[in-house]
N, C-alpha and C. Protein backbone atom coordinates (compact mmCIF):
# COMPACT_ATOMS: atom_id res chain seq x y z
N MET A 1 0.84 -1.20 0.00
CA MET A 1 -0.04 0.01 0.00
C MET A 1 0.87 1.29 0.01
N LEU A 2 1.95 1.22 0.67
CA LEU A 2 2.85 2.37 0.79
C LEU A 2 3.39 2.70 -0.60
N ASN A 3 3.73 1.74 -1.37
CA ASN A 3 4.28 1.94 -2.74
C ASN A 3 3.20 2.64 -3.62
N LYS A 4 2.00 2.27 -3.49
CA LYS A 4 0.87 2.86 -4.27
C LYS A 4 0.73 4.33 -3.92
N TYR A 5 0.65 4.65 -2.62
CA TYR A 5 0.52 6.00 -2.15
C TYR A 5 1.71 6.84 -2.64
N PHE A 6 2.93 6.31 -2.53
CA PHE A 6 4.12 7.01 -2.88
C PHE A 6 4.04 7.39 -4.39
N ARG A 7 3.73 6.43 -5.19
CA ARG A 7 3.67 6.68 -6.65
C ARG A 7 2.67 7.73 -7.01
N VAL A 8 1.49 7.68 -6.36
CA VAL A 8 0.41 8.67 -6.67
C VAL A 8 0.89 10.08 -6.21
N ILE A 9 1.40 10.19 -5.05
CA ILE A 9 1.83 11.50 -4.49
C ILE A 9 2.95 12.06 -5.37
N VAL A 10 3.96 11.29 -5.68
CA VAL A 10 5.08 11.83 -6.51
C VAL A 10 4.60 12.19 -7.88
N GLY A 11 3.69 11.37 -8.49
CA GLY A 11 3.19 11.66 -9.81
C GLY A 11 2.42 12.97 -9.83
N VAL A 12 1.59 13.17 -8.80
CA VAL A 12 0.85 14.44 -8.68
C VAL A 12 1.76 15.60 -8.49
N MET A 13 2.81 15.47 -7.69
CA MET A 13 3.75 16.54 -7.45
C MET A 13 4.48 16.91 -8.74
N VAL A 14 4.89 15.95 -9.55
CA VAL A 14 5.56 16.21 -10.78
C VAL A 14 4.62 16.94 -11.78
N LEU A 15 3.40 16.42 -11.94
CA LEU A 15 2.46 17.09 -12.80
C LEU A 15 2.11 18.49 -12.36
N LEU A 16 1.96 18.68 -11.06
CA LEU A 16 1.70 19.99 -10.51
C LEU A 16 2.81 20.94 -10.79
N SER A 17 4.05 20.48 -10.60
CA SER A 17 5.18 21.35 -10.85
C SER A 17 5.31 21.74 -12.33
N VAL A 18 4.99 20.78 -13.20
CA VAL A 18 4.99 21.12 -14.63
C VAL A 18 3.94 22.16 -14.96
N LEU A 19 2.72 22.00 -14.44
CA LEU A 19 1.68 22.93 -14.67
C LEU A 19 2.02 24.33 -14.14
N LEU A 20 2.59 24.35 -12.90
CA LEU A 20 2.99 25.63 -12.31
C LEU A 20 4.09 26.28 -13.12
N THR A 21 5.02 25.54 -13.66
CA THR A 21 6.09 26.06 -14.46
C THR A 21 5.52 26.65 -15.76
N TYR A 22 4.54 26.03 -16.37
CA TYR A 22 3.98 26.44 -17.62
C TYR A 22 3.09 27.68 -17.45
N TYR A 23 2.22 27.66 -16.43
CA TYR A 23 1.19 28.69 -16.26
C TYR A 23 1.56 29.84 -15.31
N VAL A 24 2.51 29.60 -14.36
CA VAL A 24 2.83 30.61 -13.39
C VAL A 24 4.16 31.26 -13.60
N HIS A 25 5.27 30.44 -13.49
CA HIS A 25 6.60 31.01 -13.59
C HIS A 25 7.62 29.89 -13.82
N GLN A 26 8.64 30.15 -14.55
CA GLN A 26 9.64 29.13 -14.82
C GLN A 26 10.39 28.64 -13.58
N ASN A 27 10.45 29.41 -12.58
CA ASN A 27 11.18 29.00 -11.36
C ASN A 27 10.51 27.82 -10.68
N TRP A 28 9.29 27.48 -10.99
CA TRP A 28 8.64 26.29 -10.45
C TRP A 28 9.33 25.00 -10.94
N MET A 29 10.13 25.12 -11.97
CA MET A 29 10.85 23.92 -12.46
C MET A 29 11.79 23.41 -11.37
N TRP A 30 12.25 24.32 -10.46
CA TRP A 30 13.09 23.84 -9.35
C TRP A 30 12.38 22.80 -8.49
N PHE A 31 11.10 22.91 -8.36
CA PHE A 31 10.26 21.93 -7.65
C PHE A 31 10.45 20.51 -8.29
N THR A 32 10.39 20.52 -9.57
CA THR A 32 10.62 19.23 -10.32
C THR A 32 11.99 18.70 -10.10
N VAL A 33 13.01 19.61 -10.09
CA VAL A 33 14.35 19.23 -9.79
C VAL A 33 14.52 18.64 -8.40
N PHE A 34 13.91 19.28 -7.45
CA PHE A 34 13.92 18.80 -6.06
C PHE A 34 13.38 17.37 -5.99
N ILE A 35 12.27 17.11 -6.64
CA ILE A 35 11.66 15.81 -6.59
C ILE A 35 12.64 14.75 -7.23
N GLY A 36 13.21 15.10 -8.36
CA GLY A 36 14.14 14.15 -8.99
C GLY A 36 15.39 13.90 -8.11
N VAL A 37 15.91 14.95 -7.51
CA VAL A 37 17.12 14.77 -6.67
C VAL A 37 16.77 13.88 -5.45
N ASN A 38 15.61 14.13 -4.89
CA ASN A 38 15.12 13.29 -3.74
C ASN A 38 14.99 11.81 -4.11
N LEU A 39 14.46 11.56 -5.32
CA LEU A 39 14.37 10.19 -5.72
C LEU A 39 15.74 9.55 -5.94
N ILE A 40 16.65 10.29 -6.50
CA ILE A 40 17.97 9.75 -6.72
C ILE A 40 18.72 9.47 -5.37
N GLN A 41 18.59 10.46 -4.44
CA GLN A 41 19.30 10.24 -3.16
C GLN A 41 18.65 9.06 -2.38
N SER A 42 17.34 8.87 -2.53
CA SER A 42 16.74 7.77 -1.86
C SER A 42 17.21 6.39 -2.34
N ALA A 43 17.49 6.39 -3.65
CA ALA A 43 18.00 5.15 -4.24
C ALA A 43 19.36 4.72 -3.65
N PHE A 44 20.15 5.73 -3.30
CA PHE A 44 21.49 5.44 -2.69
C PHE A 44 21.50 5.29 -1.22
N THR A 45 20.64 6.07 -0.53
CA THR A 45 20.62 6.04 0.95
C THR A 45 19.60 5.11 1.50
N LYS A 46 18.62 4.66 0.71
CA LYS A 46 17.53 3.77 1.17
C LYS A 46 16.68 4.47 2.19
N TRP A 47 16.68 5.83 2.20
CA TRP A 47 15.83 6.59 3.07
C TRP A 47 15.06 7.63 2.25
N CYS A 48 13.80 7.79 2.57
CA CYS A 48 12.91 8.74 1.89
C CYS A 48 12.04 9.45 2.86
N LEU A 49 12.07 10.80 2.83
CA LEU A 49 11.26 11.54 3.74
C LEU A 49 9.78 11.29 3.57
N LEU A 50 9.30 11.17 2.34
CA LEU A 50 7.91 10.94 2.05
C LEU A 50 7.46 9.56 2.66
N GLU A 51 8.34 8.56 2.55
CA GLU A 51 8.01 7.29 3.12
C GLU A 51 7.86 7.41 4.66
N THR A 52 8.79 8.12 5.27
CA THR A 52 8.72 8.29 6.75
C THR A 52 7.42 8.97 7.14
N ILE A 53 7.02 9.98 6.38
CA ILE A 53 5.75 10.70 6.71
C ILE A 53 4.57 9.79 6.51
N LEU A 54 4.58 9.02 5.44
CA LEU A 54 3.42 8.17 5.20
C LEU A 54 3.30 7.09 6.26
N VAL A 55 4.41 6.55 6.69
CA VAL A 55 4.40 5.52 7.77
C VAL A 55 3.88 6.11 9.06
N LYS A 56 4.26 7.35 9.43
CA LYS A 56 3.81 8.03 10.60
C LYS A 56 2.35 8.36 10.49
N LEU A 57 1.80 8.48 9.30
CA LEU A 57 0.37 8.74 9.10
C LEU A 57 -0.43 7.49 9.19
N GLY A 58 0.24 6.31 9.26
CA GLY A 58 -0.42 5.06 9.43
C GLY A 58 -0.59 4.20 8.15
N VAL A 59 0.13 4.56 7.08
CA VAL A 59 0.08 3.74 5.87
C VAL A 59 0.96 2.52 6.11
N LYS A 60 0.37 1.40 5.81
CA LYS A 60 1.09 0.14 6.05
C LYS A 60 2.20 -0.06 5.03
N LYS A 61 3.38 -0.50 5.54
CA LYS A 61 4.52 -0.75 4.72
C LYS A 61 4.45 -2.27 4.30
N GLU A 62 4.40 -2.50 3.05
CA GLU A 62 4.25 -3.87 2.59
C GLU A 62 5.47 -4.26 1.75
N GLY A 63 6.64 -4.18 2.37
CA GLY A 63 7.83 -4.64 1.71
C GLY A 63 8.51 -3.64 0.77
N GLY A 64 7.74 -2.76 0.17
CA GLY A 64 8.32 -1.80 -0.78
C GLY A 64 8.78 -0.55 -0.09
N SER A 65 9.58 0.18 -0.78
CA SER A 65 10.02 1.50 -0.26
C SER A 65 10.23 2.45 -1.41
N CYS A 66 10.50 3.70 -1.11
CA CYS A 66 10.70 4.69 -2.16
C CYS A 66 11.80 4.28 -3.11
N SER A 67 12.85 3.72 -2.54
CA SER A 67 14.02 3.41 -3.39
C SER A 67 13.73 2.22 -4.33
N SER A 68 12.69 1.48 -4.12
CA SER A 68 12.39 0.39 -4.97
C SER A 68 11.35 0.69 -6.02
N CYS A 69 10.89 1.95 -6.05
CA CYS A 69 9.90 2.36 -7.03
C CYS A 69 10.44 2.49 -8.44
């Protein structure tokens, strides 16, 4: 379940950042860069802030993690 929530949230954040970049200001592209950098660092460190937040909110961890997405 955690993996599903993670993918939905990250997908929405990427789409939102692209829309904000297109309709509001080009500096919103840094939001997309932040998301990408966070995904890369979680692949190496096996730690993801979004995963930690979701677990604290009560989402069940079923073997998957951010770094395995």
